[in-house]
Amino acid sequence: MANGGNPPIAPVRKLIAAVVGTVAAFVILFGLGMQSWAIVALGVAFLALAIALGTVRGGGRTWVVGAGHVHSASEPPTQYAFGRCELQLVIDAPGLPPRSKKIIEPRVPVSKWPALGQTLPIRVALDDPRHVRVLWDEVPTHAEAGLADLPPE
């Protein structure tokens, strides 16, 4: 990314910052003319808000749903219903080039433990493809996958 990985500030946010800054300047000058330090302090607070709106980068990430093809997975635990899984996935998501990514999932249901070659539903951050989340609620259990593979009667 050209800006060092920081997302750009939205133009609407810059406009709001400019309007709040203009109001802040008016309130400060108004307070100085009235010789009211409380109004000047209010204007300074508005000015700080305008500066924060115009400079602080933030906001939520934009996520896209894709597929992750399992190339390797750690062994499932034998005594527990959940376990920690290290996965090597090839990420296939719209708007992003395919790439391999190693992720560590701290709480994977053993009934949904990934197998080699399985395709998992994932969410990937568009602005930073290093952020990948497997959608475990949408992964079928092994019993459900087995029923889906049976031919109809």
N, C-alpha and C. Protein backbone atom coordinates (compact mmCIF):
# COMPACT_ATOMS: atom_id res chain seq x y z
N MET A 1 0.83 -1.17 0.00
CA MET A 1 0.00 0.00 0.00
C MET A 1 0.88 1.24 0.00
N ALA A 2 0.42 2.27 -0.65
CA ALA A 2 1.20 3.47 -0.80
C ALA A 2 1.34 4.25 0.50
N ASN A 3 0.35 4.15 1.37
CA ASN A 3 0.38 4.94 2.60
C ASN A 3 0.89 4.14 3.80
N GLY A 4 1.68 3.13 3.56
CA GLY A 4 2.29 2.39 4.66
C GLY A 4 1.34 1.47 5.39
N GLY A 5 0.24 1.08 4.79
CA GLY A 5 -0.67 0.15 5.42
C GLY A 5 -1.80 0.81 6.17
N ASN A 6 -1.79 2.14 6.29
CA ASN A 6 -2.88 2.83 6.97
C ASN A 6 -4.01 3.10 6.00
N PRO A 7 -5.24 2.83 6.39
CA PRO A 7 -6.35 3.11 5.49
C PRO A 7 -6.54 4.62 5.34
N PRO A 8 -7.00 5.09 4.19
CA PRO A 8 -7.19 6.53 4.01
C PRO A 8 -8.38 7.03 4.84
N ILE A 9 -8.36 8.33 5.13
CA ILE A 9 -9.47 8.93 5.86
C ILE A 9 -10.55 9.29 4.84
N ALA A 10 -11.78 8.96 5.15
CA ALA A 10 -12.89 9.18 4.22
C ALA A 10 -13.09 10.67 3.97
N PRO A 11 -13.43 11.04 2.73
CA PRO A 11 -13.66 12.46 2.42
C PRO A 11 -14.79 13.09 3.24
N VAL A 12 -15.83 12.31 3.54
CA VAL A 12 -16.93 12.85 4.35
C VAL A 12 -16.42 13.18 5.75
N ARG A 13 -15.55 12.36 6.27
CA ARG A 13 -15.00 12.62 7.59
C ARG A 13 -14.13 13.86 7.59
N LYS A 14 -13.38 14.07 6.50
CA LYS A 14 -12.57 15.29 6.38
C LYS A 14 -13.48 16.52 6.31
N LEU A 15 -14.58 16.42 5.60
CA LEU A 15 -15.51 17.54 5.49
C LEU A 15 -16.12 17.87 6.85
N ILE A 16 -16.52 16.85 7.59
CA ILE A 16 -17.08 17.08 8.92
C ILE A 16 -16.03 17.71 9.84
N ALA A 17 -14.78 17.27 9.73
CA ALA A 17 -13.71 17.85 10.53
C ALA A 17 -13.52 19.32 10.18
N ALA A 18 -13.61 19.67 8.90
CA ALA A 18 -13.45 21.07 8.48
C ALA A 18 -14.60 21.93 9.02
N VAL A 19 -15.82 21.40 8.97
CA VAL A 19 -16.97 22.16 9.48
C VAL A 19 -16.85 22.35 10.99
N VAL A 20 -16.49 21.30 11.72
CA VAL A 20 -16.34 21.41 13.18
C VAL A 20 -15.19 22.35 13.51
N GLY A 21 -14.12 22.34 12.73
CA GLY A 21 -13.00 23.26 12.94
C GLY A 21 -13.41 24.71 12.73
N THR A 22 -14.23 24.94 11.71
CA THR A 22 -14.72 26.30 11.46
C THR A 22 -15.60 26.78 12.61
N VAL A 23 -16.50 25.91 13.07
CA VAL A 23 -17.35 26.26 14.21
C VAL A 23 -16.48 26.50 15.45
N ALA A 24 -15.43 25.70 15.63
CA ALA A 24 -14.54 25.86 16.78
C ALA A 24 -13.85 27.22 16.73
N ALA A 25 -13.37 27.63 15.56
CA ALA A 25 -12.71 28.93 15.44
C ALA A 25 -13.69 30.06 15.77
N PHE A 26 -14.92 29.95 15.28
CA PHE A 26 -15.94 30.97 15.58
C PHE A 26 -16.21 31.03 17.08
N VAL A 27 -16.37 29.88 17.71
CA VAL A 27 -16.69 29.86 19.15
C VAL A 27 -15.52 30.43 19.96
N ILE A 28 -14.28 30.11 19.55
CA ILE A 28 -13.12 30.65 20.27
C ILE A 28 -13.08 32.18 20.14
N LEU A 29 -13.25 32.68 18.93
CA LEU A 29 -13.24 34.13 18.74
C LEU A 29 -14.41 34.82 19.44
N PHE A 30 -15.57 34.18 19.42
CA PHE A 30 -16.75 34.70 20.12
C PHE A 30 -16.47 34.78 21.62
N GLY A 31 -15.86 33.72 22.17
CA GLY A 31 -15.54 33.70 23.60
C GLY A 31 -14.50 34.74 23.97
N LEU A 32 -13.51 34.96 23.09
CA LEU A 32 -12.51 35.98 23.35
C LEU A 32 -13.14 37.37 23.32
N GLY A 33 -14.05 37.59 22.38
CA GLY A 33 -14.72 38.89 22.30
C GLY A 33 -15.58 39.16 23.51
N MET A 34 -16.19 38.14 24.04
CA MET A 34 -17.03 38.30 25.25
C MET A 34 -16.20 38.24 26.52
N GLN A 35 -14.94 37.90 26.39
CA GLN A 35 -14.04 37.68 27.53
C GLN A 35 -14.60 36.62 28.48
N SER A 36 -15.13 35.53 27.86
CA SER A 36 -15.65 34.40 28.62
C SER A 36 -14.75 33.20 28.38
N TRP A 37 -14.01 32.85 29.41
CA TRP A 37 -13.04 31.75 29.25
C TRP A 37 -13.74 30.40 29.14
N ALA A 38 -14.94 30.28 29.64
CA ALA A 38 -15.69 29.03 29.50
C ALA A 38 -16.05 28.77 28.04
N ILE A 39 -16.45 29.83 27.34
CA ILE A 39 -16.79 29.67 25.92
C ILE A 39 -15.53 29.41 25.11
N VAL A 40 -14.41 30.03 25.47
CA VAL A 40 -13.14 29.77 24.79
C VAL A 40 -12.74 28.31 24.99
N ALA A 41 -12.92 27.80 26.21
CA ALA A 41 -12.59 26.39 26.49
C ALA A 41 -13.47 25.46 25.67
N LEU A 42 -14.76 25.81 25.51
CA LEU A 42 -15.65 25.02 24.66
C LEU A 42 -15.17 25.03 23.21
N GLY A 43 -14.74 26.18 22.74
CA GLY A 43 -14.20 26.28 21.39
C GLY A 43 -12.93 25.46 21.21
N VAL A 44 -12.07 25.44 22.21
CA VAL A 44 -10.85 24.63 22.16
C VAL A 44 -11.19 23.15 22.13
N ALA A 45 -12.24 22.77 22.87
CA ALA A 45 -12.67 21.37 22.85
C ALA A 45 -13.18 20.99 21.46
N PHE A 46 -13.95 21.89 20.84
CA PHE A 46 -14.40 21.64 19.46
C PHE A 46 -13.22 21.54 18.50
N LEU A 47 -12.22 22.38 18.71
CA LEU A 47 -11.03 22.35 17.85
C LEU A 47 -10.28 21.02 18.01
N ALA A 48 -10.17 20.51 19.23
CA ALA A 48 -9.52 19.22 19.46
C ALA A 48 -10.31 18.10 18.78
N LEU A 49 -11.63 18.18 18.84
CA LEU A 49 -12.47 17.19 18.17
C LEU A 49 -12.26 17.23 16.66
N ALA A 50 -12.17 18.44 16.10
CA ALA A 50 -11.95 18.57 14.66
C ALA A 50 -10.60 18.00 14.25
N ILE A 51 -9.58 18.25 15.04
CA ILE A 51 -8.25 17.71 14.73
C ILE A 51 -8.26 16.19 14.81
N ALA A 52 -8.93 15.65 15.83
CA ALA A 52 -9.01 14.19 15.96
C ALA A 52 -9.76 13.57 14.79
N LEU A 53 -10.86 14.19 14.37
CA LEU A 53 -11.62 13.66 13.23
C LEU A 53 -10.80 13.69 11.95
N GLY A 54 -10.00 14.70 11.80
CA GLY A 54 -9.24 14.85 10.57
C GLY A 54 -7.96 14.06 10.50
N THR A 55 -7.44 13.60 11.63
CA THR A 55 -6.14 12.93 11.60
C THR A 55 -6.15 11.49 12.07
N VAL A 56 -7.00 11.15 13.03
CA VAL A 56 -6.99 9.80 13.59
C VAL A 56 -7.64 8.84 12.61
N ARG A 57 -6.89 7.82 12.26
CA ARG A 57 -7.42 6.81 11.34
C ARG A 57 -8.09 5.73 12.17
N GLY A 58 -9.20 5.27 11.69
CA GLY A 58 -9.91 4.24 12.44
C GLY A 58 -11.02 3.68 11.59
N GLY A 59 -11.94 3.06 12.25
CA GLY A 59 -13.06 2.48 11.54
C GLY A 59 -12.91 0.98 11.45
N GLY A 60 -13.95 0.36 11.00
CA GLY A 60 -13.96 -1.09 10.90
C GLY A 60 -13.31 -1.59 9.62
N ARG A 61 -13.02 -2.84 9.61
CA ARG A 61 -12.46 -3.48 8.44
C ARG A 61 -13.57 -3.88 7.49
N THR A 62 -13.20 -4.00 6.23
CA THR A 62 -14.12 -4.53 5.24
C THR A 62 -13.77 -6.00 5.04
N TRP A 63 -14.73 -6.87 5.30
CA TRP A 63 -14.51 -8.31 5.21
C TRP A 63 -15.18 -8.84 3.95
N VAL A 64 -14.59 -9.88 3.38
CA VAL A 64 -15.16 -10.55 2.23
C VAL A 64 -15.18 -12.05 2.53
N VAL A 65 -16.24 -12.73 2.11
CA VAL A 65 -16.37 -14.17 2.35
C VAL A 65 -15.75 -14.91 1.18
N GLY A 66 -14.97 -15.92 1.50
CA GLY A 66 -14.32 -16.73 0.48
C GLY A 66 -14.22 -18.17 0.92
N ALA A 67 -13.25 -18.86 0.33
CA ALA A 67 -13.04 -20.27 0.65
C ALA A 67 -11.57 -20.49 0.99
N GLY A 68 -11.34 -21.38 1.91
CA GLY A 68 -9.99 -21.78 2.29
C GLY A 68 -9.81 -23.26 2.06
N HIS A 69 -8.85 -23.62 1.22
CA HIS A 69 -8.58 -25.02 0.89
C HIS A 69 -7.48 -25.53 1.82
N VAL A 70 -7.78 -26.58 2.57
CA VAL A 70 -6.87 -27.10 3.60
C VAL A 70 -5.74 -27.88 2.93
N HIS A 71 -4.50 -27.46 3.21
CA HIS A 71 -3.32 -28.19 2.74
C HIS A 71 -2.69 -29.01 3.85
N SER A 72 -2.84 -28.54 5.08
CA SER A 72 -2.37 -29.33 6.22
C SER A 72 -3.14 -28.88 7.45
N ALA A 73 -3.30 -29.80 8.38
CA ALA A 73 -3.99 -29.52 9.64
C ALA A 73 -3.37 -30.39 10.72
N SER A 74 -3.32 -29.84 11.93
CA SER A 74 -2.79 -30.63 13.04
C SER A 74 -3.80 -31.72 13.41
N GLU A 75 -3.34 -32.66 14.21
CA GLU A 75 -4.19 -33.78 14.62
C GLU A 75 -5.23 -33.33 15.63
N PRO A 76 -6.45 -33.88 15.56
CA PRO A 76 -7.47 -33.51 16.56
C PRO A 76 -7.18 -34.14 17.91
N PRO A 77 -7.62 -33.49 18.98
CA PRO A 77 -7.46 -34.10 20.30
C PRO A 77 -8.38 -35.30 20.44
N THR A 78 -7.96 -36.27 21.25
CA THR A 78 -8.75 -37.50 21.39
C THR A 78 -9.69 -37.47 22.58
N GLN A 79 -9.42 -36.63 23.57
CA GLN A 79 -10.20 -36.67 24.80
C GLN A 79 -11.12 -35.47 24.98
N TYR A 80 -11.07 -34.50 24.10
CA TYR A 80 -11.83 -33.28 24.29
C TYR A 80 -12.76 -33.02 23.12
N ALA A 81 -13.77 -32.19 23.35
CA ALA A 81 -14.72 -31.84 22.30
C ALA A 81 -14.21 -30.69 21.43
N PHE A 82 -13.26 -29.90 21.96
CA PHE A 82 -12.66 -28.79 21.23
C PHE A 82 -11.15 -28.88 21.33
N GLY A 83 -10.48 -28.29 20.37
CA GLY A 83 -9.03 -28.31 20.40
C GLY A 83 -8.43 -27.17 19.60
N ARG A 84 -7.11 -27.01 19.74
CA ARG A 84 -6.36 -25.99 19.02
C ARG A 84 -5.87 -26.60 17.71
N CYS A 85 -6.12 -25.88 16.62
CA CYS A 85 -5.80 -26.42 15.30
C CYS A 85 -4.90 -25.44 14.55
N GLU A 86 -3.80 -25.98 14.02
CA GLU A 86 -2.93 -25.20 13.14
C GLU A 86 -3.23 -25.63 11.71
N LEU A 87 -3.63 -24.66 10.89
CA LEU A 87 -4.06 -24.94 9.52
C LEU A 87 -3.15 -24.24 8.52
N GLN A 88 -2.88 -24.90 7.42
CA GLN A 88 -2.24 -24.27 6.27
C GLN A 88 -3.32 -24.20 5.19
N LEU A 89 -3.78 -22.98 4.87
CA LEU A 89 -4.87 -22.79 3.93
C LEU A 89 -4.39 -22.06 2.69
N VAL A 90 -5.01 -22.40 1.56
CA VAL A 90 -4.87 -21.57 0.36
C VAL A 90 -6.15 -20.76 0.28
N ILE A 91 -6.00 -19.45 0.37
CA ILE A 91 -7.14 -18.55 0.46
C ILE A 91 -7.60 -18.16 -0.93
N ASP A 92 -8.88 -18.35 -1.19
CA ASP A 92 -9.52 -17.97 -2.45
C ASP A 92 -10.69 -17.07 -2.11
N ALA A 93 -10.50 -15.75 -2.27
CA ALA A 93 -11.54 -14.78 -1.93
C ALA A 93 -11.66 -13.76 -3.04
N PRO A 94 -12.87 -13.29 -3.32
CA PRO A 94 -13.04 -12.29 -4.38
C PRO A 94 -12.31 -10.99 -4.05
N GLY A 95 -11.60 -10.47 -5.03
CA GLY A 95 -10.87 -9.22 -4.85
C GLY A 95 -9.48 -9.39 -4.31
N LEU A 96 -9.07 -10.63 -4.02
CA LEU A 96 -7.73 -10.89 -3.49
C LEU A 96 -7.06 -11.99 -4.31
N PRO A 97 -5.75 -11.89 -4.51
CA PRO A 97 -5.06 -12.96 -5.22
C PRO A 97 -4.96 -14.21 -4.33
N PRO A 98 -4.97 -15.41 -4.92
CA PRO A 98 -4.82 -16.62 -4.09
C PRO A 98 -3.47 -16.62 -3.39
N ARG A 99 -3.47 -17.04 -2.14
CA ARG A 99 -2.22 -17.11 -1.39
C ARG A 99 -2.34 -18.13 -0.28
N SER A 100 -1.21 -18.62 0.16
CA SER A 100 -1.17 -19.60 1.23
C SER A 100 -0.99 -18.88 2.56
N LYS A 101 -1.67 -19.35 3.58
CA LYS A 101 -1.63 -18.70 4.89
C LYS A 101 -1.72 -19.74 5.98
N LYS A 102 -0.85 -19.63 6.96
CA LYS A 102 -0.92 -20.50 8.13
C LYS A 102 -1.69 -19.77 9.21
N ILE A 103 -2.74 -20.40 9.71
CA ILE A 103 -3.53 -19.79 10.78
C ILE A 103 -3.63 -20.77 11.94
N ILE A 104 -3.81 -20.22 13.11
CA ILE A 104 -3.99 -21.02 14.33
C ILE A 104 -5.36 -20.69 14.89
N GLU A 105 -6.21 -21.69 14.95
CA GLU A 105 -7.55 -21.54 15.50
C GLU A 105 -7.54 -22.10 16.92
N PRO A 106 -7.87 -21.28 17.93
CA PRO A 106 -7.74 -21.74 19.32
C PRO A 106 -8.85 -22.69 19.78
N ARG A 107 -10.02 -22.67 19.12
CA ARG A 107 -11.14 -23.49 19.62
C ARG A 107 -11.92 -24.04 18.45
N VAL A 108 -11.53 -25.22 18.00
CA VAL A 108 -12.18 -25.88 16.87
C VAL A 108 -12.93 -27.10 17.39
N PRO A 109 -14.21 -27.25 17.05
CA PRO A 109 -14.94 -28.45 17.46
C PRO A 109 -14.35 -29.69 16.78
N VAL A 110 -14.14 -30.74 17.54
CA VAL A 110 -13.57 -31.97 16.99
C VAL A 110 -14.52 -32.55 15.95
N SER A 111 -15.83 -32.35 16.12
CA SER A 111 -16.80 -32.87 15.15
C SER A 111 -16.70 -32.16 13.80
N LYS A 112 -16.02 -31.02 13.74
CA LYS A 112 -15.84 -30.27 12.50
C LYS A 112 -14.38 -30.14 12.12
N TRP A 113 -13.53 -31.00 12.67
CA TRP A 113 -12.08 -30.89 12.45
C TRP A 113 -11.77 -30.98 10.96
N PRO A 114 -10.95 -30.07 10.44
CA PRO A 114 -10.68 -30.05 9.00
C PRO A 114 -9.81 -31.22 8.55
N ALA A 115 -10.08 -31.68 7.33
CA ALA A 115 -9.31 -32.76 6.73
C ALA A 115 -8.54 -32.20 5.52
N LEU A 116 -7.52 -32.91 5.10
CA LEU A 116 -6.75 -32.48 3.93
C LEU A 116 -7.65 -32.40 2.71
N GLY A 117 -7.54 -31.30 1.97
CA GLY A 117 -8.33 -31.12 0.77
C GLY A 117 -9.71 -30.54 1.00
N GLN A 118 -10.14 -30.41 2.24
CA GLN A 118 -11.46 -29.87 2.54
C GLN A 118 -11.49 -28.37 2.25
N THR A 119 -12.65 -27.88 1.85
CA THR A 119 -12.83 -26.45 1.61
C THR A 119 -13.64 -25.87 2.76
N LEU A 120 -13.08 -24.85 3.41
CA LEU A 120 -13.72 -24.23 4.56
C LEU A 120 -14.20 -22.83 4.19
N PRO A 121 -15.36 -22.40 4.70
CA PRO A 121 -15.79 -21.02 4.48
C PRO A 121 -14.98 -20.09 5.39
N ILE A 122 -14.48 -19.00 4.82
CA ILE A 122 -13.64 -18.07 5.58
C ILE A 122 -14.08 -16.63 5.33
N ARG A 123 -13.65 -15.75 6.24
CA ARG A 123 -13.77 -14.30 6.04
C ARG A 123 -12.37 -13.74 6.02
N VAL A 124 -12.10 -12.86 5.04
CA VAL A 124 -10.78 -12.26 4.89
C VAL A 124 -10.94 -10.75 4.87
N ALA A 125 -10.06 -10.04 5.55
CA ALA A 125 -10.08 -8.58 5.53
C ALA A 125 -9.53 -8.10 4.20
N LEU A 126 -10.28 -7.26 3.50
CA LEU A 126 -9.84 -6.76 2.20
C LEU A 126 -8.61 -5.87 2.32
N ASP A 127 -8.53 -5.06 3.36
CA ASP A 127 -7.41 -4.15 3.50
C ASP A 127 -6.14 -4.83 4.01
N ASP A 128 -6.29 -5.99 4.64
CA ASP A 128 -5.12 -6.72 5.15
C ASP A 128 -5.42 -8.21 5.11
N PRO A 129 -5.01 -8.91 4.03
CA PRO A 129 -5.35 -10.33 3.89
C PRO A 129 -4.69 -11.25 4.92
N ARG A 130 -3.89 -10.70 5.81
CA ARG A 130 -3.34 -11.53 6.88
C ARG A 130 -4.40 -11.89 7.91
N HIS A 131 -5.50 -11.12 7.95
CA HIS A 131 -6.57 -11.37 8.90
C HIS A 131 -7.60 -12.31 8.27
N VAL A 132 -7.55 -13.56 8.71
CA VAL A 132 -8.43 -14.61 8.17
C VAL A 132 -9.16 -15.26 9.33
N ARG A 133 -10.46 -15.47 9.15
CA ARG A 133 -11.26 -16.18 10.17
C ARG A 133 -12.04 -17.28 9.49
N VAL A 134 -11.98 -18.46 10.05
CA VAL A 134 -12.77 -19.58 9.55
C VAL A 134 -14.16 -19.48 10.17
N LEU A 135 -15.18 -19.64 9.35
CA LEU A 135 -16.57 -19.56 9.82
C LEU A 135 -17.01 -20.96 10.26
N TRP A 136 -16.67 -21.33 11.49
CA TRP A 136 -16.91 -22.69 11.97
C TRP A 136 -18.39 -23.00 12.08
N ASP A 137 -19.23 -22.00 12.27
CA ASP A 137 -20.68 -22.25 12.36
C ASP A 137 -21.23 -22.77 11.03
N GLU A 138 -20.58 -22.45 9.92
CA GLU A 138 -21.06 -22.88 8.61
C GLU A 138 -20.40 -24.17 8.12
N VAL A 139 -19.43 -24.68 8.85
CA VAL A 139 -18.76 -25.92 8.46
C VAL A 139 -19.62 -27.09 8.91
N PRO A 140 -19.94 -28.04 8.01
CA PRO A 140 -20.75 -29.19 8.44
C PRO A 140 -19.93 -30.13 9.30
N THR A 141 -20.61 -30.82 10.21
CA THR A 141 -19.92 -31.83 11.02
C THR A 141 -19.59 -33.02 10.13
N HIS A 142 -18.76 -33.92 10.64
CA HIS A 142 -18.40 -35.10 9.86
C HIS A 142 -19.62 -35.97 9.58
N ALA A 143 -20.54 -36.04 10.53
CA ALA A 143 -21.77 -36.84 10.32
C ALA A 143 -22.64 -36.21 9.24
N GLU A 144 -22.79 -34.89 9.25
CA GLU A 144 -23.57 -34.22 8.21
C GLU A 144 -22.93 -34.34 6.85
N ALA A 145 -21.61 -34.25 6.79
CA ALA A 145 -20.90 -34.40 5.52
C ALA A 145 -21.03 -35.81 4.99
N GLY A 146 -21.04 -36.79 5.88
CA GLY A 146 -21.22 -38.18 5.46
C GLY A 146 -22.60 -38.43 4.90
N LEU A 147 -23.63 -37.82 5.47
CA LEU A 147 -24.99 -37.97 4.96
C LEU A 147 -25.14 -37.29 3.61
N ALA A 148 -24.43 -36.21 3.39
CA ALA A 148 -24.53 -35.49 2.13
C ALA A 148 -23.87 -36.26 0.99
N ASP A 149 -22.89 -37.11 1.32
CA ASP A 149 -22.19 -37.88 0.29
C ASP A 149 -22.94 -39.13 -0.14
N LEU A 150 -23.95 -39.56 0.64
CA LEU A 150 -24.70 -40.76 0.29
C LEU A 150 -25.59 -40.50 -0.93
N PRO A 151 -25.74 -41.50 -1.82
CA PRO A 151 -26.63 -41.31 -2.96
C PRO A 151 -28.08 -41.33 -2.49
N PRO A 152 -28.99 -40.64 -3.21
CA PRO A 152 -30.39 -40.64 -2.80
C PRO A 152 -31.01 -42.01 -3.03
N GLU A 153 -32.00 -42.35 -2.21
CA GLU A 153 -32.65 -43.67 -2.31
C GLU A 153 -33.69 -43.68 -3.40
